[in-house]
Amino acid sequence: MLETTGLDDQDHLSVIGALGRAVSPKAPLFRAAWMQTATPQGISQPAEELDFLPLDGVDYTNSGVAAADLEDELSSLPQRPFRGERVVLTAIYITGAGVASDALFRLIITPAIYVGAVQVGATQGQMPGIAFGPNAFGVRLSFPTAGQGTRIYVPFRFNGVNATDRVIVAGGIFGRAVR
């Protein structure tokens, strides 16, 4: 498994030695500032940094004569390894008369969010898009790490788009990218 953090999980631990002083057996006596993120052999370790991944949006106009459901997906291909944590979605419904309204409550993620062929979440099913709205609280997820060029996508259904009406669905994922 590819480790993308670049740090050992126990690097922050220390041992209390004589006279109550902290002792770290791994720490060298002196290390120049430019070597702080390098291995003892001088190889720079990759570091994860907060980043965002925009998803390709969907702009759909129902040109038919009857109401129709929109089934599509938001997707992206990250250009560096990326591990998502927070999905943010928005959906705007625009009537034929030009009246716009927030319609995220009508968007259903189905069957799941995917990183390549791996689903995010414990099971497949229908998840309301409003759970990932801009004002949603406490909705961090644990995405698997997507390698460069791995397709990340969010399939969705938007019910009942009336004739001549328009739906714009957009989103993004906040997470960590390897630099």
Protein backbone atom coordinates (compact mmCIF):
# COMPACT_ATOMS: atom_id res chain seq x y z
CA MET A 1 0.00 0.00 0.00
CA LEU A 2 1.32 3.44 -0.94
CA GLU A 3 1.94 5.64 2.09
CA THR A 4 1.14 9.22 1.19
CA THR A 5 1.73 10.96 4.49
CA GLY A 6 5.49 10.77 4.36
CA LEU A 7 5.70 10.47 8.13
CA ASP A 8 5.82 7.54 10.47
CA ASP A 9 2.76 7.50 12.75
CA GLN A 10 5.01 7.32 15.83
CA ASP A 11 7.40 10.17 14.96
CA HIS A 12 5.60 12.49 17.38
CA LEU A 13 6.14 10.20 20.39
CA SER A 14 9.01 10.77 22.77
CA VAL A 15 10.51 9.02 25.80
CA ILE A 16 11.09 10.71 29.16
CA GLY A 17 14.69 10.14 30.22
CA ALA A 18 16.86 11.11 33.18
CA LEU A 19 15.97 14.34 34.98
CA GLY A 20 12.55 14.39 33.26
CA ARG A 21 13.96 15.42 29.89
CA ALA A 22 12.34 14.25 26.66
CA VAL A 23 14.57 11.89 24.68
CA SER A 24 13.90 10.73 21.16
CA PRO A 25 16.09 7.86 19.95
CA LYS A 26 15.27 8.72 16.31
CA ALA A 27 16.25 12.40 16.49
CA PRO A 28 19.71 13.30 15.17
CA LEU A 29 21.82 15.75 17.16
CA PHE A 30 21.67 18.43 14.47
CA ARG A 31 19.62 18.70 11.31
CA ALA A 32 19.67 21.70 8.98
CA ALA A 33 16.31 23.33 8.24
CA TRP A 34 16.33 22.18 4.62
CA MET A 35 16.73 18.57 5.80
CA GLN A 36 13.68 18.55 8.09
CA THR A 37 11.50 16.72 5.55
CA ALA A 38 14.25 14.45 4.22
CA THR A 39 15.17 10.90 5.15
CA PRO A 40 18.63 10.20 6.66
CA GLN A 41 19.74 9.38 3.10
CA GLY A 42 18.71 12.90 1.95
CA ILE A 43 15.61 11.83 0.01
CA SER A 44 12.70 14.25 0.37
CA GLN A 45 9.55 12.60 1.64
CA PRO A 46 6.20 13.40 0.05
CA ALA A 47 3.98 15.54 2.23
CA GLU A 48 0.21 15.75 2.19
CA GLU A 49 -1.23 19.22 2.06
CA LEU A 50 -4.81 20.45 2.18
CA ASP A 51 -6.17 20.82 -1.32
CA PHE A 52 -9.38 20.72 -3.32
CA LEU A 53 -10.54 18.76 -6.32
CA PRO A 54 -13.19 20.38 -8.53
CA LEU A 55 -15.73 18.03 -10.10
CA ASP A 56 -16.90 18.56 -13.68
CA GLY A 57 -20.37 20.08 -13.38
CA VAL A 58 -23.56 19.24 -15.23
CA ASP A 59 -25.73 21.84 -17.00
CA TYR A 60 -28.94 20.21 -18.27
CA THR A 61 -31.94 21.76 -20.02
CA ASN A 62 -35.01 19.60 -20.61
CA SER A 63 -35.83 20.24 -24.25
CA GLY A 64 -38.65 17.69 -24.28
CA VAL A 65 -42.36 18.25 -23.87
CA ALA A 66 -42.78 16.40 -20.56
CA ALA A 67 -41.03 16.24 -17.20
CA ALA A 68 -37.99 13.97 -17.13
CA ASP A 69 -35.52 12.69 -14.58
CA LEU A 70 -31.89 13.65 -14.99
CA GLU A 71 -29.37 10.84 -14.40
CA ASP A 72 -25.75 11.91 -14.72
CA GLU A 73 -22.54 12.20 -12.69
CA LEU A 74 -19.99 14.68 -11.43
CA SER A 75 -16.44 13.49 -12.08
CA SER A 76 -12.78 14.41 -11.97
CA LEU A 77 -9.33 13.00 -12.73
CA PRO A 78 -6.81 14.29 -10.15
CA GLN A 79 -3.38 15.22 -11.50
CA ARG A 80 -1.56 14.11 -8.33
CA PRO A 81 -2.41 11.51 -5.67
CA PHE A 82 -5.45 12.76 -3.74
CA ARG A 83 -7.36 11.58 -0.68
CA GLY A 84 -10.74 13.23 -0.28
CA GLU A 85 -12.42 14.09 3.01
CA ARG A 86 -15.31 16.54 2.42
CA VAL A 87 -17.71 16.55 -0.53
CA VAL A 88 -19.53 19.82 -1.25
CA LEU A 89 -22.43 19.83 -3.73
CA THR A 90 -24.83 22.43 -5.09
CA ALA A 91 -27.85 22.20 -7.40
CA ILE A 92 -29.67 25.16 -8.93
CA TYR A 93 -33.06 24.76 -10.62
CA ILE A 94 -33.99 27.44 -13.17
CA THR A 95 -37.54 27.53 -14.53
CA GLY A 96 -38.32 28.36 -18.14
CA ALA A 97 -39.35 31.82 -16.88
CA GLY A 98 -35.84 32.35 -15.45
CA VAL A 99 -36.60 31.92 -11.73
CA ALA A 100 -33.66 30.25 -9.97
CA SER A 101 -33.85 28.32 -6.71
CA ASP A 102 -31.70 26.02 -4.58
CA ALA A 103 -32.73 22.45 -5.38
CA LEU A 104 -30.07 20.33 -3.71
CA PHE A 105 -32.80 18.57 -1.70
CA ARG A 106 -34.02 17.04 -5.00
CA LEU A 107 -30.64 15.51 -5.86
CA ILE A 108 -30.06 11.87 -4.89
CA ILE A 109 -26.59 10.26 -4.97
CA THR A 110 -27.10 6.73 -6.21
CA PRO A 111 -25.71 4.12 -5.88
CA ALA A 112 -22.52 5.54 -4.21
CA ILE A 113 -19.49 7.82 -4.57
CA TYR A 114 -16.59 6.07 -6.30
CA VAL A 115 -12.81 6.38 -6.42
CA GLY A 116 -11.95 4.27 -9.44
CA ALA A 117 -13.86 1.04 -8.87
CA VAL A 118 -13.86 1.41 -5.07
CA GLN A 119 -16.98 2.82 -3.45
CA VAL A 120 -16.83 5.37 -0.66
CA GLY A 121 -19.20 4.41 2.13
CA ALA A 122 -20.26 1.26 3.89
CA THR A 123 -22.84 0.19 1.32
CA GLN A 124 -24.62 1.21 -1.85
CA GLY A 125 -27.92 3.01 -1.69
CA GLN A 126 -29.58 6.35 -2.14
CA MET A 127 -28.06 9.30 -0.28
CA PRO A 128 -29.67 12.73 -0.35
CA GLY A 129 -27.44 15.35 -1.91
CA ILE A 130 -28.40 17.82 0.81
CA ALA A 131 -26.19 15.79 3.18
CA PHE A 132 -23.24 17.31 1.27
CA GLY A 133 -24.56 20.85 1.00
CA PRO A 134 -22.32 23.84 1.69
CA ASN A 135 -23.87 24.28 5.16
CA ALA A 136 -23.73 20.60 6.17
CA PHE A 137 -21.81 19.96 9.38
CA GLY A 138 -19.64 16.97 10.35
CA VAL A 139 -19.68 15.14 7.01
CA ARG A 140 -16.01 14.25 6.62
CA LEU A 141 -15.43 10.95 4.86
CA SER A 142 -12.48 8.63 4.56
CA PHE A 143 -11.77 8.28 0.84
CA PRO A 144 -9.23 5.76 -0.43
CA THR A 145 -6.19 7.46 -1.96
CA ALA A 146 -6.70 8.10 -5.66
CA GLY A 147 -3.57 7.84 -7.75
CA GLN A 148 -2.83 10.33 -10.49
CA GLY A 149 -5.49 10.01 -13.20
CA THR A 150 -7.84 7.80 -11.15
CA ARG A 151 -11.43 8.70 -11.96
CA ILE A 152 -13.43 10.00 -8.99
CA TYR A 153 -17.15 10.30 -9.67
CA VAL A 154 -20.47 10.97 -7.98
CA PRO A 155 -23.43 9.45 -9.89
CA PHE A 156 -26.74 11.15 -9.15
CA ARG A 157 -30.40 11.39 -10.08
CA PHE A 158 -32.43 14.60 -10.11
CA ASN A 159 -36.16 13.90 -10.23
CA GLY A 160 -38.76 15.80 -12.27
CA VAL A 161 -37.14 18.40 -14.50
CA ASN A 162 -40.08 20.08 -16.25
CA ALA A 163 -40.00 20.87 -19.98
CA THR A 164 -37.87 23.95 -20.80
CA ASP A 165 -36.47 24.02 -17.23
CA ARG A 166 -32.74 23.86 -16.47
CA VAL A 167 -30.67 22.21 -13.72
CA ILE A 168 -27.07 23.11 -12.89
CA VAL A 169 -25.25 20.67 -10.59
CA ALA A 170 -21.71 21.40 -9.41
CA GLY A 171 -19.40 20.22 -6.67
CA GLY A 172 -15.95 19.59 -5.37
CA ILE A 173 -14.03 17.59 -2.82
CA PHE A 174 -11.72 18.98 -0.16
CA GLY A 175 -8.97 16.66 0.97
CA ARG A 176 -5.24 16.10 0.88
CA ALA A 177 -2.93 15.94 -2.12
CA VAL A 178 0.65 14.73 -2.18
CA ARG A 179 3.16 17.41 -3.14
